Amino acid sequence: MFLVDYYRQMASVRVTMAVCATLTNAAVCAGFVPLPPTGGNALLPENAVASLALLQRHGDDAILRVESLDPGEPFSTQAVVEMDPLSGLVGEVAVAVELEAGAMRGDVMLLRMWLRAVGGVGQATVVVRPEDIKQVPSTATAWQTDRSGWHCVSVPFVAKTQLPESTARVELQCTSSQVLAIGGLGLTNYGKDRSLTQLIGEIGRGEILVEVTDAQNRSIANAKVAIEMTHTAFGFPVKVNEPMYESISVSRGPYGAPHLVALKPLVGQEVMLSDLPAHAVVRDLLPGQSRHKGGQDLISGVPKILRQLRSVTIERGAREHPSGGFSFAVDRPVQAYLFVQDRGHCSIDNTWHRTPMSASWTSSNWHFTDRIFQRRFNAGQIEVPTHDGSTQPQWWTRHNGRTNVTGMFSVSGYFGEYCVRVVVAGEVRTVDAELNSSHVVVSVQMD
């Protein structure tokens, strides 16, 4: 337990030592100023907030003032933007600062700042662009914070066009009536020495330590631990301003389609099904049929030996969530063939055995492939797992393992929110955790 105790003692003084990029309401610890990775060239003035200016179109409807801060704050100066609630310009006020140095297309860059809403919830969107780029598509809010304190925001991105010196700018657009404070504004250009993924790893990685104990606080060795990110900390991209630049992929890609099960009776000619879920679809498997209920999809290829077998599947559901599992009963022994869309790292129990066969289907002119697994079942219940595989950003974290003799399991992960699942002798515990600094300790106590 020494390692855990050490980290607990250090937690109070190491919060946000790394550049923090989180959407939670945790206040940033005053006195520690996150620094970007070493190297790179600064593109903004040293005290960039003092150089911020209101865009001319706002006239007298907004106020921008620069204030000095107490020594205990993370930096010495803040810029405060206040909108007149009677002006009718809600969501229109923007401030900007020009770049002192330029950047080339393909350069890897890091924009960082500290933000605080005064007296309420604040929202804003960040744009980096040449001044002659006028058309900017709308996008979701880049960040949120409440009155609890400063929040550090990091936005890595790749320039998709040249950013000329003195004619390109960083623009902060307020999206609601508010009083907004800005500090520690900086833009660093790392050129092509780092990839975007490498930069994200430098500013947004830490260690997740899972400690598993029993009801008497004794360590449990060999406990199964699964750690999966549920929300990336890089949840506030700069505007996807094509063909300006490429921002981080912030939303998890779509999960795979629900599994399809084809059934070959081992006794008799036809298998009878029961206890089907209300949203199940039962059909004879043939090309030209829908791959899953509720999807605009058509099966284009099925191995001949599986054609016309009775099959079971369910509706697609929301693509941003894992496709649901389901169960049903059969009246005789069967050979079950599980069709699994080839997407992401789908968790398939080792009781299912991979076959060399595959199937294909199309949806909206996209082509997809199913891997096919097989397993024998006696008469009774058949459990079909969820499809938990998805297309993910490279900095999405997912690990499985077991605790060591001291009841510990640790992995390195990217900043974000996590679900930690522990299984001991059939007992399951699930704990939510957040990694936004050098480490987080997750204690899980089993009954």
Protein backbone atom coordinates (compact mmCIF):
# COMPACT_ATOMS: atom_id res chain seq x y z
CA MET A 1 0.00 0.00 0.00
CA PHE A 2 3.04 2.29 0.20
CA LEU A 3 2.65 3.46 -3.40
CA VAL A 4 -1.01 4.34 -2.89
CA ASP A 5 -0.28 6.16 0.37
CA TYR A 6 2.50 8.12 -1.35
CA TYR A 7 0.21 9.23 -4.16
CA ARG A 8 -2.51 10.21 -1.68
CA GLN A 9 -0.04 12.39 0.23
CA MET A 10 1.15 14.01 -2.99
CA ALA A 11 -2.35 14.57 -4.42
CA SER A 12 -2.89 17.84 -2.56
CA VAL A 13 0.21 19.42 -4.08
CA ARG A 14 0.24 17.89 -7.58
CA VAL A 15 -3.21 18.73 -8.84
CA THR A 16 -2.97 20.14 -12.40
CA MET A 17 0.81 19.99 -12.53
CA ALA A 18 0.30 18.80 -16.10
CA VAL A 19 -1.74 20.88 -18.53
CA CYS A 20 -5.31 20.10 -17.55
CA ALA A 21 -8.11 19.91 -20.11
CA THR A 22 -11.28 18.95 -18.30
CA LEU A 23 -14.94 19.90 -18.50
CA THR A 24 -15.65 19.23 -14.84
CA ASN A 25 -16.30 21.85 -12.19
CA ALA A 26 -13.11 21.16 -10.23
CA ALA A 27 -11.33 24.44 -9.50
CA VAL A 28 -7.73 24.76 -10.61
CA CYS A 29 -5.30 24.92 -7.71
CA ALA A 30 -3.94 28.46 -7.45
CA GLY A 31 -0.17 28.81 -7.38
CA PHE A 32 0.60 26.16 -10.02
CA VAL A 33 0.84 27.33 -13.61
CA PRO A 34 0.65 24.46 -16.14
CA LEU A 35 3.41 24.71 -18.70
CA PRO A 36 3.29 23.40 -22.28
CA PRO A 37 5.77 20.72 -23.39
CA THR A 38 9.30 21.99 -23.90
CA GLY A 39 10.34 23.42 -27.24
CA GLY A 40 8.15 25.18 -29.74
CA ASN A 41 7.77 28.84 -30.62
CA ALA A 42 5.36 31.23 -28.93
CA LEU A 43 3.08 32.93 -31.45
CA LEU A 44 1.42 35.39 -29.06
CA PRO A 45 2.85 38.22 -26.92
CA GLU A 46 4.12 37.25 -23.47
CA ASN A 47 1.13 38.90 -21.78
CA ALA A 48 -1.34 38.15 -24.56
CA VAL A 49 -4.49 38.95 -22.57
CA ALA A 50 -3.36 42.59 -22.30
CA SER A 51 -3.33 42.70 -26.12
CA LEU A 52 -6.86 41.39 -26.56
CA ALA A 53 -9.23 43.77 -28.34
CA LEU A 54 -12.96 43.79 -28.94
CA LEU A 55 -13.91 43.33 -32.55
CA GLN A 56 -15.14 46.63 -33.99
CA ARG A 57 -18.65 45.46 -34.79
CA HIS A 58 -19.61 45.46 -31.12
CA GLY A 59 -19.46 49.22 -30.55
CA ASP A 60 -20.59 50.16 -27.04
CA ASP A 61 -22.46 46.90 -26.41
CA ALA A 62 -19.52 45.18 -24.71
CA ILE A 63 -16.75 46.20 -22.32
CA LEU A 64 -13.20 44.81 -22.24
CA ARG A 65 -10.93 45.68 -19.35
CA VAL A 66 -7.53 44.40 -18.23
CA GLU A 67 -6.93 43.91 -14.49
CA SER A 68 -3.98 43.00 -12.31
CA LEU A 69 -4.39 39.97 -10.04
CA ASP A 70 -3.16 39.14 -6.55
CA PRO A 71 0.10 37.17 -6.20
CA GLY A 72 -1.82 34.03 -5.23
CA GLU A 73 -3.48 33.74 -8.65
CA PRO A 74 -2.01 31.52 -11.42
CA PHE A 75 -0.93 34.60 -13.44
CA SER A 76 -0.59 38.34 -12.97
CA THR A 77 -3.16 39.73 -15.43
CA GLN A 78 -6.67 38.90 -16.57
CA ALA A 79 -8.89 40.31 -19.31
CA VAL A 80 -12.56 40.65 -18.41
CA VAL A 81 -15.24 40.72 -21.12
CA GLU A 82 -18.67 41.94 -20.10
CA MET A 83 -21.68 42.07 -22.39
CA ASP A 84 -24.55 44.49 -21.99
CA PRO A 85 -27.62 42.27 -21.34
CA LEU A 86 -29.85 44.92 -22.96
CA SER A 87 -27.86 45.14 -26.17
CA GLY A 88 -29.48 42.19 -27.88
CA LEU A 89 -26.05 40.88 -28.88
CA VAL A 90 -26.21 37.67 -26.85
CA GLY A 91 -23.80 35.20 -28.35
CA GLU A 92 -22.11 37.75 -30.64
CA VAL A 93 -19.31 39.33 -28.62
CA ALA A 94 -15.76 38.33 -29.56
CA VAL A 95 -12.27 39.41 -28.58
CA ALA A 96 -9.10 38.74 -30.58
CA VAL A 97 -5.31 39.04 -30.47
CA GLU A 98 -2.99 38.98 -33.50
CA LEU A 99 -0.18 36.47 -33.88
CA GLU A 100 3.35 37.85 -33.43
CA ALA A 101 4.82 35.01 -35.47
CA GLY A 102 3.36 32.90 -38.23
CA ALA A 103 2.80 29.18 -38.77
CA MET A 104 2.93 26.93 -41.81
CA ARG A 105 0.40 24.45 -43.03
CA GLY A 106 0.80 21.11 -41.21
CA ASP A 107 2.36 22.61 -38.07
CA VAL A 108 1.29 21.01 -34.78
CA MET A 109 0.12 23.66 -32.33
CA LEU A 110 -1.15 24.03 -28.78
CA LEU A 111 -3.57 26.75 -27.70
CA ARG A 112 -3.99 27.13 -23.94
CA MET A 113 -5.72 29.55 -21.63
CA TRP A 114 -7.40 29.87 -18.26
CA LEU A 115 -11.08 30.80 -18.15
CA ARG A 116 -13.46 31.85 -15.40
CA ALA A 117 -17.10 32.92 -15.47
CA VAL A 118 -17.87 35.68 -12.99
CA GLY A 119 -21.19 35.15 -11.22
CA GLY A 120 -22.58 32.38 -13.39
CA VAL A 121 -21.98 29.74 -16.03
CA GLY A 122 -19.74 30.78 -18.91
CA GLN A 123 -19.48 29.50 -22.46
CA ALA A 124 -17.22 30.36 -25.38
CA THR A 125 -15.78 29.07 -28.64
CA VAL A 126 -12.17 29.49 -29.77
CA VAL A 127 -11.09 30.12 -33.39
CA VAL A 128 -7.58 30.48 -34.84
CA ARG A 129 -7.62 31.88 -38.39
CA PRO A 130 -6.29 34.40 -40.87
CA GLU A 131 -8.31 37.60 -40.71
CA ASP A 132 -9.39 37.29 -44.35
CA ILE A 133 -11.24 34.02 -43.64
CA LYS A 134 -14.78 35.31 -43.14
CA GLN A 135 -17.02 32.25 -43.35
CA VAL A 136 -16.80 30.08 -40.23
CA PRO A 137 -19.31 27.23 -39.80
CA SER A 138 -21.13 27.06 -36.48
CA THR A 139 -20.11 24.41 -33.96
CA ALA A 140 -20.80 23.23 -30.42
CA THR A 141 -19.65 25.19 -27.39
CA ALA A 142 -15.95 24.77 -26.82
CA TRP A 143 -15.94 24.73 -23.03
CA GLN A 144 -18.00 25.37 -19.93
CA THR A 145 -17.13 26.52 -16.45
CA ASP A 146 -18.98 27.75 -13.39
CA ARG A 147 -18.16 30.32 -10.74
CA SER A 148 -16.03 27.89 -8.71
CA GLY A 149 -12.73 29.08 -10.14
CA TRP A 150 -10.25 29.09 -12.99
CA HIS A 151 -10.36 26.28 -15.53
CA CYS A 152 -7.39 25.46 -17.69
CA VAL A 153 -8.20 24.72 -21.33
CA SER A 154 -5.81 23.02 -23.76
CA VAL A 155 -6.59 22.70 -27.46
CA PRO A 156 -4.04 20.85 -29.63
CA PHE A 157 -4.59 21.08 -33.40
CA VAL A 158 -2.88 20.89 -36.79
CA ALA A 159 -2.83 23.97 -39.02
CA LYS A 160 -4.41 23.23 -42.39
CA THR A 161 -3.39 26.50 -43.97
CA GLN A 162 -0.72 29.12 -43.47
CA LEU A 163 -1.22 31.48 -40.51
CA PRO A 164 0.60 34.67 -41.52
CA GLU A 165 2.28 36.87 -38.93
CA SER A 166 0.18 39.93 -37.95
CA THR A 167 -2.70 38.92 -40.21
CA ALA A 168 -3.82 35.81 -38.32
CA ARG A 169 -5.44 35.92 -34.92
CA VAL A 170 -6.83 33.96 -31.99
CA GLU A 171 -10.49 34.82 -31.54
CA LEU A 172 -12.62 34.03 -28.48
CA GLN A 173 -16.35 34.18 -29.14
CA CYS A 174 -18.72 34.46 -26.17
CA THR A 175 -21.89 32.44 -26.64
CA SER A 176 -24.10 33.66 -23.81
CA SER A 177 -24.73 36.80 -21.77
CA GLN A 178 -22.03 36.70 -19.11
CA VAL A 179 -18.97 38.24 -17.52
CA LEU A 180 -15.96 36.26 -18.73
CA ALA A 181 -12.39 36.40 -17.39
CA ILE A 182 -9.44 35.20 -19.49
CA GLY A 183 -5.88 34.60 -18.35
CA GLY A 184 -2.69 32.78 -19.27
CA LEU A 185 -3.44 32.88 -23.00
CA GLY A 186 -0.75 31.28 -25.14
CA LEU A 187 -0.31 29.68 -28.57
CA THR A 188 2.75 27.49 -29.15
CA ASN A 189 3.88 26.16 -32.52
CA TYR A 190 5.80 22.87 -32.41
CA GLY A 191 6.21 22.75 -36.16
CA LYS A 192 6.47 19.23 -37.53
CA ASP A 193 8.74 17.86 -34.80
CA ARG A 194 5.78 16.25 -33.02
CA SER A 195 2.66 14.50 -34.24
CA LEU A 196 -0.69 15.56 -32.83
CA THR A 197 -0.94 12.27 -30.94
CA GLN A 198 2.51 12.76 -29.41
CA LEU A 199 1.59 16.26 -28.27
CA ILE A 200 -1.64 15.04 -26.67
CA GLY A 201 0.34 12.34 -24.89
CA GLU A 202 2.71 14.92 -23.44
CA ILE A 203 0.02 17.24 -22.12
CA GLY A 204 -2.72 14.79 -21.22
CA ARG A 205 -1.49 11.48 -19.82
CA GLY A 206 -1.37 10.15 -16.32
CA GLU A 207 -1.55 6.94 -14.31
CA ILE A 208 -4.69 5.19 -13.10
CA LEU A 209 -4.09 3.10 -9.99
CA VAL A 210 -6.87 0.71 -8.95
CA GLU A 211 -6.77 -0.63 -5.38
CA VAL A 212 -9.08 -3.61 -4.63
CA THR A 213 -9.83 -4.65 -1.04
CA ASP A 214 -12.38 -6.78 0.79
CA ALA A 215 -14.82 -5.68 3.50
CA GLN A 216 -11.98 -5.96 6.09
CA ASN A 217 -9.76 -3.72 3.95
CA ARG A 218 -7.48 -6.60 2.98
CA SER A 219 -5.90 -6.58 -0.45
CA ILE A 220 -7.46 -8.85 -3.08
CA ALA A 221 -5.03 -10.35 -5.57
CA ASN A 222 -5.96 -11.63 -9.05
CA ALA A 223 -9.17 -9.58 -9.24
CA LYS A 224 -10.36 -8.89 -12.79
CA VAL A 225 -10.14 -5.18 -13.65
CA ALA A 226 -11.48 -3.46 -16.77
CA ILE A 227 -10.77 0.25 -17.32
CA GLU A 228 -12.45 2.12 -20.17
CA MET A 229 -12.64 5.80 -21.00
CA THR A 230 -16.21 7.10 -21.20
CA HIS A 231 -15.42 10.74 -22.08
CA THR A 232 -12.21 12.28 -23.36
CA ALA A 233 -10.94 15.38 -21.58
CA PHE A 234 -10.31 16.98 -24.95
CA GLY A 235 -13.98 17.82 -25.22
CA PHE A 236 -13.78 21.40 -26.46
CA PRO A 237 -12.25 21.53 -29.92
CA VAL A 238 -11.39 24.64 -31.80
CA LYS A 239 -13.90 25.11 -34.58
CA VAL A 240 -13.68 22.58 -37.36
CA ASN A 241 -13.09 25.36 -39.82
CA GLU A 242 -12.47 23.51 -43.10
CA PRO A 243 -10.21 23.94 -44.88
CA MET A 244 -8.57 25.90 -42.07
CA TYR A 245 -7.22 23.29 -39.70
CA GLU A 246 -7.86 19.90 -38.23
CA SER A 247 -8.98 19.75 -34.60
CA ILE A 248 -9.14 16.81 -32.24
CA SER A 249 -11.76 14.16 -32.78
CA VAL A 250 -13.70 14.67 -29.57
CA SER A 251 -16.67 12.33 -29.79
CA ARG A 252 -16.33 8.60 -29.65
CA GLY A 253 -16.94 7.06 -33.05
CA PRO A 254 -20.01 4.91 -33.66
CA TYR A 255 -20.18 1.50 -31.99
CA GLY A 256 -20.62 -1.66 -33.99
CA ALA A 257 -23.98 -3.00 -35.09
CA PRO A 258 -25.77 -5.47 -32.79
CA HIS A 259 -24.72 -9.07 -33.22
CA LEU A 260 -26.71 -11.44 -35.39
CA VAL A 261 -27.05 -15.12 -34.44
CA ALA A 262 -27.72 -17.86 -37.00
CA LEU A 263 -28.89 -21.22 -35.61
CA LYS A 264 -28.24 -24.69 -37.06
CA PRO A 265 -30.27 -27.40 -35.25
CA LEU A 266 -28.21 -30.44 -34.24
CA VAL A 267 -31.34 -32.53 -33.69
CA GLY A 268 -34.37 -32.44 -36.00
CA GLN A 269 -35.10 -30.08 -38.87
CA GLU A 270 -36.27 -26.84 -37.25
CA VAL A 271 -35.42 -25.03 -34.04
CA MET A 272 -38.20 -23.39 -32.03
CA LEU A 273 -37.47 -20.10 -30.28
CA SER A 274 -38.97 -18.60 -27.12
CA ASP A 275 -38.35 -15.85 -24.55
CA LEU A 276 -37.38 -13.47 -27.34
CA PRO A 277 -36.94 -9.77 -26.49
CA ALA A 278 -39.72 -7.49 -27.67
CA HIS A 279 -37.39 -5.75 -30.16
CA ALA A 280 -35.98 -8.94 -31.72
CA VAL A 281 -36.28 -9.84 -35.41
CA VAL A 282 -36.37 -13.48 -36.48
CA ARG A 283 -35.86 -14.40 -40.14
CA ASP A 284 -34.21 -16.94 -42.43
CA LEU A 285 -30.74 -15.67 -43.26
CA LEU A 286 -30.38 -14.63 -46.92
CA PRO A 287 -28.60 -11.91 -48.93
CA GLY A 288 -30.78 -8.88 -49.57
CA GLN A 289 -32.30 -8.84 -46.09
CA SER A 290 -31.70 -6.12 -43.50
CA ARG A 291 -28.65 -6.73 -41.31
CA HIS A 292 -30.40 -5.44 -38.17
CA LYS A 293 -33.79 -4.01 -37.33
CA GLY A 294 -34.05 -0.25 -37.67
CA GLY A 295 -31.03 0.11 -39.95
CA GLN A 296 -30.90 1.14 -43.60
CA ASP A 297 -28.70 -1.81 -44.40
CA LEU A 298 -28.70 -4.88 -46.65
CA ILE A 299 -26.81 -8.14 -46.34
CA SER A 300 -24.71 -8.59 -49.47
CA GLY A 301 -22.76 -11.76 -48.74
CA VAL A 302 -23.36 -14.84 -46.56
CA PRO A 303 -21.42 -18.14 -46.60
CA LYS A 304 -23.46 -20.74 -48.49
CA ILE A 305 -23.52 -23.22 -45.61
CA LEU A 306 -25.24 -20.61 -43.42
CA ARG A 307 -27.88 -19.45 -45.87
CA GLN A 308 -31.52 -19.98 -44.89
CA LEU A 309 -30.62 -20.73 -41.27
CA ARG A 310 -32.97 -19.19 -38.71
CA SER A 311 -31.39 -15.94 -37.45
CA VAL A 312 -32.04 -13.54 -34.58
CA THR A 313 -30.98 -9.92 -34.17
CA ILE A 314 -32.27 -6.68 -32.60
CA GLU A 315 -32.70 -3.01 -33.53
CA ARG A 316 -29.64 -0.81 -33.97
CA GLY A 317 -30.22 1.77 -31.21
CA ALA A 318 -28.10 4.89 -30.74
CA ARG A 319 -24.75 4.63 -32.54
CA GLU A 320 -22.90 6.50 -29.79
CA HIS A 321 -23.70 3.72 -27.29
CA PRO A 322 -22.72 0.04 -27.33
CA SER A 323 -25.22 -2.13 -29.20
CA GLY A 324 -27.35 -4.03 -26.71
CA GLY A 325 -26.98 -7.67 -25.85
CA PHE A 326 -29.99 -9.96 -25.76
CA SER A 327 -31.05 -13.50 -24.92
CA PHE A 328 -33.57 -16.11 -26.02
CA ALA A 329 -34.28 -19.81 -25.57
CA VAL A 330 -34.05 -22.76 -27.99
CA ASP A 331 -35.91 -26.06 -27.71
CA ARG A 332 -33.04 -28.30 -28.86
CA PRO A 333 -29.23 -28.36 -29.18
CA VAL A 334 -27.90 -25.96 -31.81
CA GLN A 335 -24.72 -24.78 -33.42
CA ALA A 336 -24.86 -21.00 -33.08
CA TYR A 337 -23.00 -18.68 -35.45
CA LEU A 338 -22.34 -15.18 -34.13
CA PHE A 339 -21.99 -12.38 -36.72
CA VAL A 340 -19.81 -9.61 -35.24
CA GLN A 341 -19.22 -6.37 -37.13
CA ASP A 342 -15.50 -5.79 -37.61
CA ARG A 343 -15.31 -2.48 -35.75
CA GLY A 344 -13.04 -1.61 -32.86
CA HIS A 345 -11.98 -4.07 -30.16
CA CYS A 346 -15.22 -5.91 -29.45
CA SER A 347 -15.12 -8.10 -26.32
CA ILE A 348 -16.08 -11.68 -27.28
CA ASP A 349 -16.04 -14.39 -24.61
CA ASN A 350 -13.51 -17.14 -25.33
CA THR A 351 -16.31 -19.71 -25.32
CA TRP A 352 -17.08 -18.40 -28.82
CA HIS A 353 -14.57 -19.69 -31.38
CA ARG A 354 -13.53 -17.67 -34.43
CA THR A 355 -14.21 -19.32 -37.80
CA PRO A 356 -12.50 -18.48 -41.13
CA MET A 357 -15.89 -17.37 -42.48
CA SER A 358 -17.12 -13.80 -42.87
CA ALA A 359 -20.21 -11.97 -44.12
CA SER A 360 -20.71 -8.57 -45.74
CA TRP A 361 -23.39 -5.88 -45.79
CA THR A 362 -23.90 -2.33 -46.98
CA SER A 363 -25.46 0.79 -45.48
CA SER A 364 -25.77 4.15 -47.31
CA ASN A 365 -23.12 3.09 -49.84
CA TRP A 366 -20.72 2.07 -47.06
CA HIS A 367 -19.43 -1.52 -47.01
CA PHE A 368 -18.99 -3.48 -43.78
CA THR A 369 -17.72 -6.92 -42.78
CA ASP A 370 -18.86 -9.32 -40.07
CA ARG A 371 -16.51 -11.82 -38.46
CA ILE A 372 -18.24 -15.11 -37.67
CA PHE A 373 -17.81 -17.06 -34.43
CA GLN A 374 -19.40 -20.37 -33.45
CA ARG A 375 -20.47 -22.16 -30.28
CA ARG A 376 -22.63 -25.14 -29.38
CA PHE A 377 -25.58 -24.76 -27.02
CA ASN A 378 -27.87 -27.32 -25.45
CA ALA A 379 -31.59 -26.71 -25.27
CA GLY A 380 -32.21 -23.65 -23.09
CA GLN A 381 -31.01 -20.06 -22.89
CA ILE A 382 -28.61 -18.42 -25.34
CA GLU A 383 -26.91 -15.21 -24.20
CA VAL A 384 -25.74 -12.81 -26.91
CA PRO A 385 -23.20 -10.18 -25.75
CA THR A 386 -23.18 -6.46 -26.52
CA HIS A 387 -21.01 -5.02 -29.29
CA ASP A 388 -18.72 -2.67 -27.35
CA GLY A 389 -16.22 -2.00 -30.11
CA SER A 390 -16.10 1.44 -31.74
CA THR A 391 -14.00 3.65 -33.95
CA GLN A 392 -11.96 5.64 -31.45
CA PRO A 393 -9.42 8.44 -31.40
CA GLN A 394 -5.90 7.10 -30.85
CA TRP A 395 -5.87 8.65 -27.39
CA TRP A 396 -8.88 6.68 -26.20
CA THR A 397 -7.89 4.38 -23.33
CA ARG A 398 -9.11 0.87 -22.66
CA HIS A 399 -7.32 -1.79 -20.58
CA ASN A 400 -8.06 -5.16 -18.98
CA GLY A 401 -5.99 -7.03 -16.43
CA ARG A 402 -5.75 -8.43 -12.92
CA THR A 403 -4.55 -7.03 -9.61
CA ASN A 404 -1.13 -8.08 -8.35
CA VAL A 405 -0.34 -9.67 -4.99
CA THR A 406 -0.82 -6.29 -3.26
CA GLY A 407 -4.29 -5.82 -4.77
CA MET A 408 -3.10 -3.16 -7.23
CA PHE A 409 -3.58 -2.70 -10.97
CA SER A 410 -2.18 0.34 -12.79
CA VAL A 411 -2.21 1.63 -16.35
CA SER A 412 -1.21 4.79 -18.19
CA GLY A 413 -4.12 6.64 -19.75
CA TYR A 414 -5.14 9.86 -21.47
CA PHE A 415 -6.99 12.54 -19.52
CA GLY A 416 -10.71 11.93 -19.31
CA GLU A 417 -13.51 10.19 -17.45
CA TYR A 418 -13.34 6.44 -16.88
CA CYS A 419 -15.47 3.49 -15.85
CA VAL A 420 -13.58 1.01 -13.66
CA ARG A 421 -15.15 -2.46 -13.42
CA VAL A 422 -13.88 -5.04 -10.91
CA VAL A 423 -14.98 -8.69 -10.74
CA VAL A 424 -14.14 -11.01 -7.83
CA ALA A 425 -15.73 -14.46 -7.55
CA GLY A 426 -18.74 -13.35 -9.58
CA GLU A 427 -19.26 -10.14 -7.60
CA VAL A 428 -19.12 -7.00 -9.76
CA ARG A 429 -18.33 -3.45 -8.66
CA THR A 430 -18.34 -0.44 -11.01
CA VAL A 431 -16.74 2.88 -10.08
CA ASP A 432 -16.50 6.13 -12.05
CA ALA A 433 -13.20 7.99 -11.99
CA GLU A 434 -11.55 11.00 -13.62
CA LEU A 435 -7.93 11.38 -14.68
CA ASN A 436 -6.92 15.03 -15.05
CA SER A 437 -3.44 15.17 -13.50
CA SER A 438 -0.38 12.94 -13.10
CA HIS A 439 -2.38 10.15 -11.45
CA VAL A 440 -5.64 9.10 -9.86
CA VAL A 441 -6.17 6.42 -7.20
CA VAL A 442 -9.40 4.44 -7.49
CA SER A 443 -10.30 2.41 -4.38
CA VAL A 444 -12.78 -0.43 -4.89
CA GLN A 445 -14.07 -2.36 -1.89
CA MET A 446 -15.77 -5.70 -2.41
CA ASP A 447 -18.22 -7.33 0.00
